[in-house]
Amino acid sequence: MTSRPHGPHIPHPRYVGRRALLTRTAAASLLSVPVLGALTSCASGGSGGGTKDVGRVEPTADNPLGAHPDGDLEVVIFDGGFGDQYALDAEKLYEQRFGSVTHVKTQEIQSRLQPRMVKGDPPDVVDNSGAEAMDIAALIRNDQVHDLTELLDAPSLDDPNVTVRETLQPGTVEMGQFGTQAVYRLNYAYHVYGQWYSRTALDRLDAEYPRTWDEMIAVCEKAKRAGMAGWTYAGMYPYYFNFTLYPFIAKIGGADVLRAIDNLEPNAWRHEAVRAAFEAYHELTARGFVLEGSSGLSHEESQDEWCAGRALFHPNGSWVENEAARNTPADFDMAVGPPTSLDTSDAMPFETIWAAPGEPFFVPADAANVAGGMEFLRIMLGRESARNFTSLVSSLTCVRDSVDGMDLPPGLTSANEVLAAAGENLITVRLPDWYRQLNNEEIGGAIAAMMAGDIEPGEAITRCQRAADAAAADDSLQHFEHI
């Protein structure tokens, strides 16, 4: 989908009143390829990967991708919040019908694997996640990633009459596309982003979940009187705020506003919906509703403060229940709500959320066992593996309806309910993976400075637009547009 170019915008009347109120209130890369001589290939537990192409066999009903029955497989898993047991369990299913699996877990995805990608000696499946994730856009531009379209069009593991594509949650295919119909990655976990909170804490305040920004301010006032901050956030990783800020912008002005931002269109950040959203969030800081010191907290530290009851809301994704489990009180009753609307005249309904698959897997184009890599992903997309993942790590997967009948923890139950209530009102944001540095550093930095009270919303918008314009003019970047 191609969005219309944005020029200068005349404020819509519905934005002006609220914006004036907020103003008065406030007044009170491409990643560089590592030098091969300085790095060695993956050694600990690795087999060396693709030293010999195992090839394919004639596809059959039981083996629609033609994976070689004796084809050994090397799988690299990011050792993060989800752990790796879910992958080990899926690997056992693979080994029942195919060759052995070499399993590697690491947090050093880029430094350990990018030299191997360059040498044409990659593993067969990569969980490309974490702070050291490789720049998938750069890999695609260098023809280092296999197109997974044949996997998506293959029969699903559980029903040969249903393709893999037809079993997937909304947005899964789109999140694997980079400006064309080809699908280069499979995002396995399905994240519901929003305002995470404790139902217990909200009940103690005798408050309802805020549906409009006036209600948000009222709830935060109650929290402040009770000695609790309204919000905390991961100031060291300020893009966490985008988990609620981006869908807030879309709710105010419509999904096309975010598409224009994704497309790096001129003046996209100067849309009145962006200004209204920034001024609303700045009001949280201006009124003292943000937990003091949040600007210096890591994601885990801010989650700990939140779980300790020192703040009511935390912008986050549905992985938080598992990630914060060790410090979550038994009576916390974790839940998530859609980003609070500005007011009832917003372009999209209150139920609108940003929900999209994360935890990206891909099959390298030069892998020794490409068919085996895709077959492993087909196994992971089966009902057994999907339900096992949810049981182990308290997260939804990209497999539609896979949690039906399962006894889910409170946060995941809430996320599933919010997802169902949103229906088709789902926002998919591509800026974080199309232009990772722009999103995480330049845009994130501007929002962080605004939320710390160092700059006003107007200056934050100027910085965002300036950074977006620089990215649009940077010929060293591959540029993408919604299709």
Protein backbone atom coordinates (compact mmCIF):
# COMPACT_ATOMS: atom_id res chain seq x y z
CA MET A 1 0.00 0.00 0.00
CA THR A 2 1.37 3.41 -0.98
CA SER A 3 0.42 6.38 1.17
CA ARG A 4 -0.19 9.85 -0.18
CA PRO A 5 2.61 12.38 0.38
CA HIS A 6 2.05 14.64 3.35
CA GLY A 7 2.46 18.39 3.00
CA PRO A 8 2.02 21.06 5.68
CA HIS A 9 -1.12 20.42 7.70
CA ILE A 10 -3.80 22.85 8.81
CA PRO A 11 -4.88 21.90 12.34
CA HIS A 12 -8.21 20.12 12.47
CA PRO A 13 -10.59 21.76 14.96
CA ARG A 14 -10.86 18.60 17.05
CA TYR A 15 -7.14 18.75 17.87
CA VAL A 16 -6.92 22.42 18.72
CA GLY A 17 -8.87 22.55 21.97
CA ARG A 18 -7.06 19.66 23.57
CA ARG A 19 -3.71 20.87 22.31
CA ALA A 20 -4.28 24.32 23.77
CA LEU A 21 -5.23 22.73 27.09
CA LEU A 22 -2.10 20.58 27.10
CA THR A 23 0.08 23.56 26.27
CA ARG A 24 -1.33 25.53 29.18
CA THR A 25 -0.87 22.53 31.46
CA ALA A 26 2.71 22.04 30.40
CA ALA A 27 3.44 25.70 31.05
CA ALA A 28 2.31 25.31 34.68
CA SER A 29 22.00 1.64 8.95
CA LEU A 30 23.07 -0.41 7.69
CA LEU A 31 25.12 -2.20 10.28
CA SER A 32 28.77 -2.30 9.27
CA VAL A 33 29.96 -5.82 8.46
CA PRO A 34 32.55 -6.83 11.06
CA VAL A 35 36.13 -7.18 9.88
CA LEU A 36 36.65 -10.88 9.32
CA GLY A 37 40.16 -10.85 10.68
CA ALA A 38 38.94 -9.55 14.01
CA LEU A 39 36.22 -12.14 14.54
CA THR A 40 36.00 -15.90 14.40
CA SER A 41 33.09 -18.04 13.32
CA CYS A 42 30.69 -19.56 15.84
CA ALA A 43 32.57 -22.18 17.78
CA SER A 44 30.84 -23.10 21.03
CA GLY A 45 28.50 -25.96 20.19
CA GLY A 46 28.40 -25.08 16.49
CA SER A 47 29.06 -27.58 13.75
CA GLY A 48 30.39 -25.11 11.23
CA GLY A 49 27.03 -25.11 9.45
CA GLY A 50 26.93 -25.21 5.70
CA THR A 51 30.15 -26.90 4.67
CA LYS A 52 28.20 -29.23 2.40
CA ASP A 53 24.82 -28.67 0.78
CA VAL A 54 22.62 -31.62 1.74
CA GLY A 55 20.17 -30.84 -1.07
CA ARG A 56 16.53 -31.88 -1.30
CA VAL A 57 14.49 -34.94 -2.10
CA GLU A 58 11.27 -35.30 -4.06
CA PRO A 59 8.46 -33.69 -2.04
CA THR A 60 5.77 -35.98 -0.61
CA ALA A 61 2.59 -35.44 1.36
CA ASP A 62 4.54 -35.99 4.61
CA ASN A 63 7.53 -33.99 3.43
CA PRO A 64 6.12 -31.20 1.23
CA LEU A 65 9.31 -29.12 1.27
CA GLY A 66 11.57 -31.97 0.23
CA ALA A 67 13.80 -31.90 3.32
CA HIS A 68 16.49 -34.57 3.10
CA PRO A 69 15.68 -37.45 5.49
CA ASP A 70 19.32 -37.57 6.61
CA GLY A 71 19.79 -33.81 6.56
CA ASP A 72 21.45 -32.58 9.72
CA LEU A 73 20.42 -29.16 10.94
CA GLU A 74 22.10 -26.32 12.82
CA VAL A 75 19.74 -24.06 14.77
CA VAL A 76 20.89 -20.87 16.52
CA ILE A 77 18.54 -19.53 19.21
CA PHE A 78 18.71 -16.17 20.94
CA ASP A 79 19.22 -16.82 24.65
CA GLY A 80 16.85 -14.18 25.99
CA GLY A 81 13.57 -13.89 27.85
CA PHE A 82 12.05 -16.87 26.07
CA GLY A 83 14.97 -19.18 26.81
CA ASP A 84 15.55 -22.07 24.39
CA GLN A 85 13.58 -25.04 25.73
CA TYR A 86 10.79 -24.47 23.20
CA ALA A 87 13.33 -24.82 20.39
CA LEU A 88 14.89 -27.93 21.93
CA ASP A 89 11.44 -29.52 22.05
CA ALA A 90 10.76 -28.66 18.40
CA GLU A 91 14.19 -30.04 17.46
CA LYS A 92 13.23 -33.40 18.98
CA LEU A 93 10.23 -33.50 16.65
CA TYR A 94 12.52 -32.75 13.72
CA GLU A 95 14.93 -35.53 14.70
CA GLN A 96 12.11 -38.08 14.74
CA ARG A 97 11.89 -37.81 10.94
CA PHE A 98 15.12 -36.21 9.78
CA GLY A 99 18.78 -35.89 10.73
CA SER A 100 20.35 -34.75 13.97
CA VAL A 101 20.22 -31.15 15.19
CA THR A 102 23.12 -29.06 16.45
CA HIS A 103 21.67 -26.55 18.89
CA VAL A 104 23.43 -23.27 19.69
CA LYS A 105 22.15 -20.62 22.07
CA THR A 106 23.72 -17.19 22.37
CA GLN A 107 23.00 -13.53 22.99
CA GLU A 108 25.77 -12.53 20.56
CA ILE A 109 23.85 -13.05 17.34
CA GLN A 110 25.58 -10.44 15.19
CA SER A 111 29.16 -10.85 16.37
CA ARG A 112 29.05 -14.65 16.16
CA LEU A 113 27.01 -15.10 12.99
CA GLN A 114 27.62 -12.18 10.68
CA PRO A 115 31.15 -13.33 9.78
CA ARG A 116 29.69 -16.73 8.88
CA MET A 117 27.00 -15.07 6.78
CA VAL A 118 29.69 -13.19 4.88
CA LYS A 119 31.74 -16.37 4.30
CA GLY A 120 28.71 -18.28 3.02
CA ASP A 121 28.90 -20.69 5.97
CA PRO A 122 25.77 -19.84 7.99
CA PRO A 123 23.63 -22.06 10.22
CA ASP A 124 20.36 -23.37 8.81
CA VAL A 125 17.94 -21.47 11.07
CA VAL A 126 18.58 -18.24 12.98
CA ASP A 127 16.52 -16.70 15.76
CA ASN A 128 17.63 -13.16 14.97
CA SER A 129 16.62 -11.39 18.16
CA GLY A 130 18.02 -9.31 21.00
CA ALA A 131 20.24 -6.26 21.20
CA GLU A 132 22.76 -7.90 18.84
CA ALA A 133 20.29 -8.90 16.16
CA MET A 134 21.65 -8.63 12.64
CA ASP A 135 20.17 -5.96 10.38
CA ILE A 136 17.72 -8.07 8.38
CA ALA A 137 17.25 -5.33 5.76
CA ALA A 138 20.98 -5.35 5.05
CA LEU A 139 21.03 -9.14 4.79
CA ILE A 140 18.12 -9.08 2.36
CA ARG A 141 19.86 -6.46 0.22
CA ASN A 142 22.90 -8.73 0.05
CA ASP A 143 20.78 -11.75 -1.01
CA GLN A 144 21.68 -13.61 2.19
CA VAL A 145 18.13 -14.56 3.24
CA HIS A 146 15.94 -17.28 1.70
CA ASP A 147 12.42 -16.36 0.58
CA LEU A 148 9.97 -18.37 2.74
CA THR A 149 7.03 -18.13 0.33
CA GLU A 150 7.24 -21.88 -0.42
CA LEU A 151 6.96 -22.60 3.31
CA LEU A 152 3.89 -20.38 3.63
CA ASP A 153 2.22 -22.09 0.67
CA ALA A 154 3.04 -25.61 1.91
CA PRO A 155 0.44 -27.72 3.74
CA SER A 156 0.38 -27.05 7.47
CA LEU A 157 1.67 -29.70 9.83
CA ASP A 158 -1.74 -30.43 11.37
CA ASP A 159 -4.06 -30.20 8.36
CA PRO A 160 -2.89 -30.90 4.79
CA ASN A 161 -5.93 -29.05 3.48
CA VAL A 162 -4.82 -25.80 5.13
CA THR A 163 -1.66 -24.00 4.11
CA VAL A 164 0.83 -22.69 6.63
CA ARG A 165 -0.11 -19.16 5.52
CA GLU A 166 -3.73 -19.76 6.48
CA THR A 167 -2.81 -20.74 10.05
CA LEU A 168 -1.05 -17.45 10.85
CA GLN A 169 -2.17 -14.49 12.92
CA PRO A 170 -2.85 -11.17 11.15
CA GLY A 171 0.29 -9.25 10.28
CA THR A 172 2.64 -12.25 10.36
CA VAL A 173 3.19 -12.38 6.61
CA GLU A 174 3.41 -8.59 6.32
CA MET A 175 6.09 -8.41 9.03
CA GLY A 176 8.25 -10.70 6.90
CA GLN A 177 7.97 -8.49 3.81
CA PHE A 178 10.37 -5.72 2.94
CA GLY A 179 8.82 -3.75 0.12
CA THR A 180 7.95 -6.77 -2.07
CA GLN A 181 5.73 -9.85 -1.91
CA ALA A 182 8.68 -12.03 -0.87
CA VAL A 183 8.66 -13.13 2.78
CA TYR A 184 12.10 -13.27 4.35
CA ARG A 185 11.45 -14.03 7.98
CA LEU A 186 8.95 -15.69 10.28
CA ASN A 187 8.20 -13.81 13.50
CA TYR A 188 7.15 -16.49 15.95
CA ALA A 189 5.98 -14.84 19.18
CA TYR A 190 2.88 -12.68 18.85
CA HIS A 191 3.18 -9.51 20.88
CA VAL A 192 0.33 -7.39 22.14
CA TYR A 193 1.62 -3.90 22.92
CA GLY A 194 -0.15 -1.49 25.22
CA GLN A 195 -0.44 0.04 28.66
CA TRP A 196 0.37 -2.75 31.09
CA TYR A 197 -0.95 -2.41 34.62
CA SER A 198 -1.98 -4.24 37.78
CA ARG A 199 -5.72 -4.76 38.15
CA THR A 200 -5.14 -4.95 41.89
CA ALA A 201 -3.46 -1.53 41.93
CA LEU A 202 -6.23 0.00 39.83
CA ASP A 203 -8.88 -1.49 42.13
CA ARG A 204 -7.11 -0.08 45.20
CA LEU A 205 -7.41 3.36 43.64
CA ASP A 206 -11.11 2.70 43.04
CA ALA A 207 -10.50 3.61 39.40
CA GLU A 208 -11.53 2.30 36.00
CA TYR A 209 -9.13 1.79 33.12
CA PRO A 210 -8.88 5.20 31.36
CA ARG A 211 -10.45 5.31 27.91
CA THR A 212 -9.82 9.02 27.18
CA TRP A 213 -6.88 11.28 28.06
CA ASP A 214 -8.98 13.26 30.52
CA GLU A 215 -9.65 9.97 32.32
CA MET A 216 -5.93 9.14 32.17
CA ILE A 217 -5.07 12.43 33.88
CA ALA A 218 -7.72 11.79 36.54
CA VAL A 219 -6.37 8.29 37.25
CA CYS A 220 -2.80 9.59 37.46
CA GLU A 221 -3.96 12.29 39.89
CA LYS A 222 -5.48 9.57 42.08
CA ALA A 223 -2.29 7.56 41.92
CA LYS A 224 -0.19 10.60 42.83
CA ARG A 225 -2.33 11.33 45.88
CA ALA A 226 -1.84 7.69 46.94
CA GLY A 227 1.94 8.04 46.64
CA MET A 228 2.20 6.18 43.33
CA ALA A 229 3.49 7.48 40.01
CA GLY A 230 1.15 7.21 37.05
CA TRP A 231 3.84 5.89 34.71
CA THR A 232 7.32 4.47 34.54
CA TYR A 233 9.29 3.37 31.49
CA ALA A 234 12.60 2.02 30.28
CA GLY A 235 14.47 5.29 29.88
CA MET A 236 17.64 3.52 28.75
CA TYR A 237 15.59 2.09 25.86
CA PRO A 238 13.13 4.91 25.16
CA TYR A 239 11.62 3.16 22.14
CA TYR A 240 9.53 1.26 24.71
CA PHE A 241 7.34 4.36 24.77
CA ASN A 242 6.60 3.75 21.10
CA PHE A 243 4.66 0.60 22.04
CA THR A 244 1.84 2.89 23.14
CA LEU A 245 2.75 6.15 21.42
CA TYR A 246 2.61 4.80 17.85
CA PRO A 247 -0.88 3.28 18.14
CA PHE A 248 -1.98 6.41 20.03
CA ILE A 249 -0.96 8.48 17.00
CA ALA A 250 -2.88 6.15 14.70
CA LYS A 251 -5.97 6.26 16.88
CA ILE A 252 -5.98 10.06 16.82
CA GLY A 253 -5.30 10.59 13.12
CA GLY A 254 -5.82 7.26 11.39
CA ALA A 255 -3.53 4.45 10.23
CA ASP A 256 -2.32 6.46 7.24
CA VAL A 257 -0.40 8.76 9.58
CA LEU A 258 1.78 5.85 10.70
CA ARG A 259 2.14 4.54 7.16
CA ALA A 260 3.50 7.93 6.12
CA ILE A 261 5.97 7.82 9.01
CA ASP A 262 7.05 4.30 7.99
CA ASN A 263 7.46 5.46 4.39
CA LEU A 264 9.65 8.41 5.47
CA GLU A 265 7.30 10.81 3.72
CA PRO A 266 8.02 14.56 3.95
CA ASN A 267 6.39 16.24 6.96
CA ALA A 268 4.91 12.97 8.23
CA TRP A 269 6.03 13.76 11.79
CA ARG A 270 4.42 17.20 11.55
CA HIS A 271 0.91 15.78 11.29
CA GLU A 272 -1.42 17.24 13.91
CA ALA A 273 -2.11 13.75 15.27
CA VAL A 274 1.59 13.43 16.12
CA ARG A 275 1.61 16.81 17.80
CA ALA A 276 -1.51 15.99 19.83
CA ALA A 277 -0.01 12.67 20.95
CA PHE A 278 3.34 14.21 21.91
CA GLU A 279 1.67 16.97 23.88
CA ALA A 280 -0.50 14.45 25.72
CA TYR A 281 2.53 12.39 26.74
CA HIS A 282 4.48 15.50 27.68
CA GLU A 283 1.61 16.36 30.01
CA LEU A 284 2.50 13.25 32.05
CA THR A 285 5.94 14.71 32.66
CA ALA A 286 4.76 18.27 33.15
CA ARG A 287 2.31 17.21 35.86
CA GLY A 288 4.83 15.02 37.67
CA PHE A 289 3.05 11.75 36.88
CA VAL A 290 6.19 9.91 35.73
CA LEU A 291 8.21 8.02 38.33
CA GLU A 292 11.29 10.03 39.24
CA GLY A 293 14.45 8.52 37.79
CA SER A 294 12.66 6.59 35.03
CA SER A 295 14.84 8.22 32.38
CA GLY A 296 17.84 6.24 33.70
CA LEU A 297 16.14 2.84 34.17
CA SER A 298 16.68 -0.28 32.09
CA HIS A 299 13.66 -2.29 30.98
CA GLU A 300 14.13 -4.74 33.86
CA GLU A 301 14.63 -1.99 36.44
CA SER A 302 11.53 -0.12 35.32
CA GLN A 303 9.53 -3.36 35.37
CA ASP A 304 10.75 -4.02 38.92
CA GLU A 305 9.60 -0.56 40.01
CA TRP A 306 6.24 -1.19 38.38
CA CYS A 307 5.84 -4.62 39.98
CA ALA A 308 6.75 -3.10 43.36
CA GLY A 309 3.71 -0.82 43.04
CA ARG A 310 5.61 2.42 42.58
CA ALA A 311 3.97 3.15 39.21
CA LEU A 312 0.62 2.29 37.71
CA PHE A 313 1.25 2.01 33.95
CA HIS A 314 4.17 0.65 31.94
CA PRO A 315 4.36 0.77 28.10
CA ASN A 316 5.39 -2.74 27.15
CA GLY A 317 4.71 -5.89 25.16
CA SER A 318 3.18 -9.21 26.15
CA TRP A 319 6.57 -10.77 26.88
CA VAL A 320 6.65 -8.74 30.10
CA GLU A 321 4.70 -11.30 32.13
CA ASN A 322 7.39 -13.91 31.63
CA GLU A 323 10.27 -11.44 31.83
CA ALA A 324 9.08 -9.88 35.10
CA ALA A 325 7.79 -13.10 36.68
CA ARG A 326 10.48 -13.31 39.36
CA ASN A 327 9.43 -9.98 40.90
CA THR A 328 5.70 -10.02 40.25
CA PRO A 329 3.61 -10.28 43.44
CA ALA A 330 1.17 -13.17 43.56
CA ASP A 331 -1.81 -10.80 43.80
CA PHE A 332 -0.59 -8.40 41.08
CA ASP A 333 -3.18 -9.58 38.51
CA MET A 334 -1.27 -8.30 35.48
CA ALA A 335 -3.27 -6.92 32.57
CA VAL A 336 -2.94 -4.84 29.43
CA GLY A 337 -5.23 -2.24 27.92
CA PRO A 338 -5.28 -0.47 24.57
CA PRO A 339 -3.46 2.87 24.54
CA THR A 340 -5.78 5.43 26.03
CA SER A 341 -7.57 7.48 23.37
CA LEU A 342 -7.24 11.25 23.14
CA ASP A 343 -11.00 11.75 23.07
CA THR A 344 -14.13 10.24 21.55
CA SER A 345 -13.59 11.95 18.17
CA ASP A 346 -10.43 9.95 17.40
CA ALA A 347 -10.21 8.47 13.91
CA MET A 348 -9.93 4.90 15.19
CA PRO A 349 -11.81 3.23 18.05
CA PHE A 350 -10.55 2.84 21.60
CA GLU A 351 -9.98 -0.90 21.08
CA THR A 352 -7.27 -0.24 18.44
CA ILE A 353 -3.92 -1.77 19.41
CA TRP A 354 -0.51 -2.47 18.00
CA ALA A 355 -0.24 -6.25 17.81
CA ALA A 356 2.36 -7.96 15.69
CA PRO A 357 4.62 -10.97 15.68
CA GLY A 358 8.14 -10.68 17.06
CA GLU A 359 11.07 -13.04 17.75
CA PRO A 360 12.15 -13.25 14.09
CA PHE A 361 13.45 -16.45 12.53
CA PHE A 362 15.02 -16.73 9.09
CA VAL A 363 16.71 -19.31 6.90
CA PRO A 364 19.99 -18.11 5.37
CA ALA A 365 20.14 -18.34 1.58
CA ASP A 366 23.54 -20.09 1.78
CA ALA A 367 22.50 -22.59 4.45
CA ALA A 368 23.58 -26.18 3.87
CA ASN A 369 20.06 -27.42 4.60
CA VAL A 370 17.58 -24.80 3.41
CA ALA A 371 14.72 -27.28 3.06
CA GLY A 372 15.44 -28.65 6.53
CA GLY A 373 15.44 -25.14 7.94
CA MET A 374 11.99 -24.48 6.48
CA GLU A 375 10.73 -27.86 7.70
CA PHE A 376 11.90 -26.98 11.21
CA LEU A 377 9.89 -23.75 11.00
CA ARG A 378 6.87 -25.75 9.74
CA ILE A 379 7.18 -27.93 12.84
CA MET A 380 7.35 -24.84 15.06
CA LEU A 381 4.17 -23.59 13.39
CA GLY A 382 2.37 -26.80 14.27
CA ARG A 383 -0.18 -26.78 17.07
CA GLU A 384 1.93 -28.93 19.41
CA SER A 385 4.98 -26.65 19.25
CA ALA A 386 2.90 -23.47 19.43
CA ARG A 387 1.04 -24.58 22.54
CA ASN A 388 4.28 -25.77 24.10
CA PHE A 389 5.83 -22.32 23.52
CA THR A 390 2.89 -20.62 25.19
CA SER A 391 3.03 -23.01 28.17
CA LEU A 392 6.77 -22.51 28.63
CA VAL A 393 7.15 -18.76 28.21
CA SER A 394 3.70 -17.23 28.69
CA SER A 395 3.48 -15.74 25.22
CA LEU A 396 1.10 -16.02 22.31
CA THR A 397 2.50 -17.29 19.02
CA CYS A 398 1.81 -16.31 15.44
CA VAL A 399 -0.28 -19.50 15.10
CA ARG A 400 -3.94 -18.54 15.05
CA ASP A 401 -6.20 -20.04 17.74
CA SER A 402 -3.39 -22.17 19.15
CA VAL A 403 -4.24 -21.19 22.76
CA ASP A 404 -7.88 -22.27 22.57
CA GLY A 405 -8.75 -24.26 25.68
CA MET A 406 -5.48 -23.48 27.44
CA ASP A 407 -5.33 -22.22 31.03
CA LEU A 408 -3.42 -18.95 30.58
CA PRO A 409 -1.85 -16.68 33.22
CA PRO A 410 -3.61 -13.35 33.86
CA GLY A 411 -1.45 -11.13 31.67
CA LEU A 412 -1.66 -13.43 28.68
CA THR A 413 -5.39 -13.91 29.22
CA SER A 414 -5.78 -10.14 29.14
CA ALA A 415 -3.62 -9.82 26.02
CA ASN A 416 -5.72 -12.45 24.24
CA GLU A 417 -8.92 -10.63 25.22
CA VAL A 418 -7.58 -7.27 24.06
CA LEU A 419 -6.52 -8.83 20.77
CA ALA A 420 -9.97 -10.33 20.25
CA ALA A 421 -11.69 -7.04 21.10
CA ALA A 422 -9.54 -5.15 18.57
CA GLY A 423 -10.78 -7.30 15.71
CA GLU A 424 -9.51 -5.69 12.51
CA ASN A 425 -8.37 -2.53 14.30
CA LEU A 426 -4.74 -3.64 14.45
CA ILE A 427 -1.78 -1.38 13.80
CA THR A 428 1.39 -2.73 12.19
CA VAL A 429 4.43 -0.46 12.49
CA ARG A 430 7.46 -1.12 10.28
CA LEU A 431 9.81 1.71 11.26
CA PRO A 432 11.49 -0.39 14.01
CA ASP A 433 12.67 -3.08 11.61
CA TRP A 434 12.93 -1.15 8.34
CA TYR A 435 15.04 1.57 9.99
CA ARG A 436 16.15 0.20 13.32
CA GLN A 437 18.71 2.86 14.18
CA LEU A 438 16.35 5.68 13.24
CA ASN A 439 13.58 4.25 15.42
CA ASN A 440 15.64 3.20 18.43
CA GLU A 441 18.20 6.00 18.58
CA GLU A 442 17.11 9.16 16.78
CA ILE A 443 13.34 8.92 17.29
CA GLY A 444 13.77 7.21 20.65
CA GLY A 445 16.25 9.85 21.74
CA ALA A 446 13.92 12.71 20.89
CA ILE A 447 11.04 11.10 22.78
CA ALA A 448 13.35 10.37 25.73
CA ALA A 449 14.42 14.01 25.91
CA MET A 450 10.79 15.11 25.83
CA MET A 451 9.71 12.67 28.53
CA ALA A 452 12.66 13.71 30.70
CA GLY A 453 11.41 17.30 30.45
CA ASP A 454 14.52 18.48 28.60
CA ILE A 455 12.69 19.63 25.46
CA GLU A 456 9.15 20.62 24.48
CA PRO A 457 6.96 18.55 22.12
CA GLY A 458 7.61 20.94 19.22
CA GLU A 459 11.36 20.41 19.47
CA ALA A 460 10.89 16.64 19.74
CA ILE A 461 8.82 16.67 16.55
CA THR A 462 11.46 18.76 14.78
CA ARG A 463 14.16 16.28 15.78
CA CYS A 464 12.07 13.31 14.61
CA GLN A 465 11.34 14.90 11.25
CA ARG A 466 14.96 15.97 10.77
CA ALA A 467 16.14 12.40 11.47
CA ALA A 468 13.51 10.90 9.16
CA ASP A 469 14.48 13.30 6.36
CA ALA A 470 18.14 12.36 6.80
CA ALA A 471 17.27 8.67 6.56
CA ALA A 472 15.18 9.28 3.45
CA ALA A 473 18.11 11.08 1.80
CA ASP A 474 20.69 8.46 2.83
CA ASP A 475 21.56 6.44 -0.28
CA SER A 476 23.43 3.88 1.82
CA LEU A 477 20.12 2.75 3.34
CA GLN A 478 17.67 0.51 1.54
CA HIS A 479 14.32 2.24 1.52
CA PHE A 480 10.96 0.53 1.83
CA GLU A 481 7.30 1.40 1.40
CA HIS A 482 4.07 -0.31 2.39
CA ILE A 483 2.74 -2.42 -0.45
